[in-house]
Amino acid sequence: MATATATKTKTKQKIRFRPLDDRVLVQPSEAEETTTGGIILPDTAQEKPQRGEIISTGPGKLLDDGQRGELSVEVGDQVIYGKYSGTEIEFGPDKYVVVRESDILAVVD
């Protein structure tokens, strides 16, 4: 089980983040700032990123028999997730998304 560590800027203390059940913490990739034709997009026109790196994972979904289901993704995987899935959170200047494993569409190899 992995945990993510982020530093709070004002108080200089570390925050440990451990997702529950089948949730994972994803650090989204940067949004595209230019189109393929070279046009620079303002912040309001940029689309939400749908790709990111898994920073931390939960222990897995609790099954009916009391066992934990194993996650099919692991820390360090590059994934594509649903556009409007998950919950966005911030630790200082860093932005993350907490998503369920079922909201992950693909692992990028």
C-alpha atoms as a PDB file:
ATOM      1  CA  MET A   1       0.000   0.000   0.000  1.00  0.00           C
ATOM      2  CA  ALA A   2       1.486   3.328  -1.031  1.00  0.00           C
ATOM      3  CA  THR A   3       0.881   6.745   0.443  1.00  0.00           C
ATOM      4  CA  ALA A   4       1.386  10.113  -1.151  1.00  0.00           C
ATOM      5  CA  THR A   5       3.180  12.856   0.683  1.00  0.00           C
ATOM      6  CA  ALA A   6       2.681  16.542   0.011  1.00  0.00           C
ATOM      7  CA  THR A   7       4.093  19.513   1.862  1.00  0.00           C
ATOM      8  CA  LYS A   8       1.839  22.240   3.233  1.00  0.00           C
ATOM      9  CA  THR A   9       3.315  25.614   2.310  1.00  0.00           C
ATOM     10  CA  LYS A  10       2.343  27.788   5.300  1.00  0.00           C
ATOM     11  CA  THR A  11       2.988  25.405   8.173  1.00  0.00           C
ATOM     12  CA  LYS A  12       5.783  23.347   6.548  1.00  0.00           C
ATOM     13  CA  GLN A  13       4.237  20.058   7.644  1.00  0.00           C
ATOM     14  CA  LYS A  14       3.789  16.986   5.503  1.00  0.00           C
ATOM     15  CA  ILE A  15       0.358  15.608   4.660  1.00  0.00           C
ATOM     16  CA  ARG A  16       0.041  11.861   4.120  1.00  0.00           C
ATOM     17  CA  PHE A  17      -2.738  10.788   1.795  1.00  0.00           C
ATOM     18  CA  ARG A  18      -3.939   7.175   1.646  1.00  0.00           C
ATOM     19  CA  PRO A  19      -6.966   6.515  -0.582  1.00  0.00           C
ATOM     20  CA  LEU A  20      -9.647   4.169   0.749  1.00  0.00           C
ATOM     21  CA  ASP A  21     -10.953   0.965  -0.838  1.00  0.00           C
ATOM     22  CA  ASP A  22     -10.628   0.933  -4.647  1.00  0.00           C
ATOM     23  CA  ARG A  23      -9.749   4.612  -5.030  1.00  0.00           C
ATOM     24  CA  VAL A  24      -6.473   5.930  -6.442  1.00  0.00           C
ATOM     25  CA  LEU A  25      -4.751   9.316  -6.281  1.00  0.00           C
ATOM     26  CA  VAL A  26      -3.836  10.608  -9.749  1.00  0.00           C
ATOM     27  CA  GLN A  27      -1.646  13.594 -10.583  1.00  0.00           C
ATOM     28  CA  PRO A  28      -3.118  14.946 -13.844  1.00  0.00           C
ATOM     29  CA  SER A  29      -0.888  15.801 -16.771  1.00  0.00           C
ATOM     30  CA  GLU A  30      -0.653  19.434 -17.774  1.00  0.00           C
ATOM     31  CA  ALA A  31      -3.472  20.755 -19.977  1.00  0.00           C
ATOM     32  CA  GLU A  32      -2.623  21.424 -23.607  1.00  0.00           C
ATOM     33  CA  GLU A  33      -1.849  25.116 -24.085  1.00  0.00           C
ATOM     34  CA  THR A  34      -1.696  25.077 -27.876  1.00  0.00           C
ATOM     35  CA  THR A  35      -3.667  23.319 -30.591  1.00  0.00           C
ATOM     36  CA  THR A  36      -2.054  21.099 -33.202  1.00  0.00           C
ATOM     37  CA  GLY A  37      -2.223  24.096 -35.563  1.00  0.00           C
ATOM     38  CA  GLY A  38      -0.175  26.216 -33.142  1.00  0.00           C
ATOM     39  CA  ILE A  39      -2.990  28.395 -31.754  1.00  0.00           C
ATOM     40  CA  ILE A  40      -2.419  29.328 -28.092  1.00  0.00           C
ATOM     41  CA  LEU A  41      -5.462  28.578 -25.940  1.00  0.00           C
ATOM     42  CA  PRO A  42      -6.446  30.789 -22.981  1.00  0.00           C
ATOM     43  CA  ASP A  43      -7.000  29.084 -19.607  1.00  0.00           C
ATOM     44  CA  THR A  44     -10.779  29.205 -20.018  1.00  0.00           C
ATOM     45  CA  ALA A  45     -10.671  27.308 -23.337  1.00  0.00           C
ATOM     46  CA  GLN A  46      -8.336  24.530 -22.207  1.00  0.00           C
ATOM     47  CA  GLU A  47      -9.920  21.121 -21.695  1.00  0.00           C
ATOM     48  CA  LYS A  48      -9.563  19.216 -18.450  1.00  0.00           C
ATOM     49  CA  PRO A  49      -6.763  16.665 -18.672  1.00  0.00           C
ATOM     50  CA  GLN A  50      -7.881  13.044 -18.828  1.00  0.00           C
ATOM     51  CA  ARG A  51      -4.439  11.527 -18.407  1.00  0.00           C
ATOM     52  CA  GLY A  52      -2.237  11.313 -15.355  1.00  0.00           C
ATOM     53  CA  GLU A  53       0.120   9.294 -13.178  1.00  0.00           C
ATOM     54  CA  ILE A  54      -1.023   7.213 -10.226  1.00  0.00           C
ATOM     55  CA  ILE A  55       0.617   8.546  -7.069  1.00  0.00           C
ATOM     56  CA  SER A  56      -1.069   6.358  -4.450  1.00  0.00           C
ATOM     57  CA  THR A  57      -3.551   3.474  -4.312  1.00  0.00           C
ATOM     58  CA  GLY A  58      -6.007   2.172  -1.764  1.00  0.00           C
ATOM     59  CA  PRO A  59      -5.970  -1.407  -0.427  1.00  0.00           C
ATOM     60  CA  GLY A  60      -8.663  -2.626  -2.851  1.00  0.00           C
ATOM     61  CA  LYS A  61     -12.406  -3.083  -2.779  1.00  0.00           C
ATOM     62  CA  LEU A  62     -13.852  -5.033   0.160  1.00  0.00           C
ATOM     63  CA  LEU A  63     -15.579  -8.123  -1.226  1.00  0.00           C
ATOM     64  CA  ASP A  64     -18.633  -9.900   0.197  1.00  0.00           C
ATOM     65  CA  ASP A  65     -16.480 -12.642   1.736  1.00  0.00           C
ATOM     66  CA  GLY A  66     -14.421 -10.089   3.707  1.00  0.00           C
ATOM     67  CA  GLN A  67     -11.356 -10.306   1.455  1.00  0.00           C
ATOM     68  CA  ARG A  68      -9.827  -7.361  -0.415  1.00  0.00           C
ATOM     69  CA  GLY A  69      -9.977  -7.374  -4.202  1.00  0.00           C
ATOM     70  CA  GLU A  70      -6.634  -6.671  -5.850  1.00  0.00           C
ATOM     71  CA  LEU A  71      -6.298  -3.490  -7.924  1.00  0.00           C
ATOM     72  CA  SER A  72      -5.310  -3.862 -11.572  1.00  0.00           C
ATOM     73  CA  VAL A  73      -3.276  -0.615 -11.488  1.00  0.00           C
ATOM     74  CA  GLU A  74      -0.246   0.322  -9.426  1.00  0.00           C
ATOM     75  CA  VAL A  75       1.753   3.372  -8.393  1.00  0.00           C
ATOM     76  CA  GLY A  76       3.591   4.923 -11.335  1.00  0.00           C
ATOM     77  CA  ASP A  77       1.133   3.780 -14.024  1.00  0.00           C
ATOM     78  CA  GLN A  78       0.105   6.360 -16.635  1.00  0.00           C
ATOM     79  CA  VAL A  79      -3.688   6.159 -16.947  1.00  0.00           C
ATOM     80  CA  ILE A  80      -6.573   7.697 -18.856  1.00  0.00           C
ATOM     81  CA  TYR A  81      -9.676   8.388 -16.778  1.00  0.00           C
ATOM     82  CA  GLY A  82     -13.164   9.738 -17.437  1.00  0.00           C
ATOM     83  CA  LYS A  83     -13.419  13.448 -18.174  1.00  0.00           C
ATOM     84  CA  TYR A  84     -15.802  14.274 -15.336  1.00  0.00           C
ATOM     85  CA  SER A  85     -14.953  11.445 -12.950  1.00  0.00           C
ATOM     86  CA  GLY A  86     -13.291  11.743  -9.581  1.00  0.00           C
ATOM     87  CA  THR A  87     -12.852  14.508  -7.059  1.00  0.00           C
ATOM     88  CA  GLU A  88     -10.274  17.240  -7.534  1.00  0.00           C
ATOM     89  CA  ILE A  89      -8.187  18.149  -4.477  1.00  0.00           C
ATOM     90  CA  GLU A  90      -5.239  20.464  -3.856  1.00  0.00           C
ATOM     91  CA  PHE A  91      -2.222  20.141  -1.574  1.00  0.00           C
ATOM     92  CA  GLY A  92      -0.530  23.528  -1.748  1.00  0.00           C
ATOM     93  CA  PRO A  93       0.326  24.283  -5.382  1.00  0.00           C
ATOM     94  CA  ASP A  94      -0.203  20.659  -6.498  1.00  0.00           C
ATOM     95  CA  LYS A  95      -3.529  19.431  -7.900  1.00  0.00           C
ATOM     96  CA  TYR A  96      -4.682  15.823  -7.766  1.00  0.00           C
ATOM     97  CA  VAL A  97      -7.750  13.786  -8.679  1.00  0.00           C
ATOM     98  CA  VAL A  98      -9.123  10.930  -6.562  1.00  0.00           C
ATOM     99  CA  VAL A  99     -10.897   8.385  -8.788  1.00  0.00           C
ATOM    100  CA  ARG A 100     -12.315   4.910  -8.351  1.00  0.00           C
ATOM    101  CA  GLU A 101     -10.543   2.135 -10.199  1.00  0.00           C
ATOM    102  CA  SER A 102     -13.704   1.595 -12.254  1.00  0.00           C
ATOM    103  CA  ASP A 103     -13.417   5.194 -13.569  1.00  0.00           C
ATOM    104  CA  ILE A 104      -9.992   4.443 -15.072  1.00  0.00           C
ATOM    105  CA  LEU A 105     -10.500   3.728 -18.757  1.00  0.00           C
ATOM    106  CA  ALA A 106      -7.030   2.539 -19.765  1.00  0.00           C
ATOM    107  CA  VAL A 107      -3.404   2.141 -18.714  1.00  0.00           C
ATOM    108  CA  VAL A 108      -0.943   3.767 -21.135  1.00  0.00           C
ATOM    109  CA  ASP A 109       2.051   1.507 -21.901  1.00  0.00           C
END
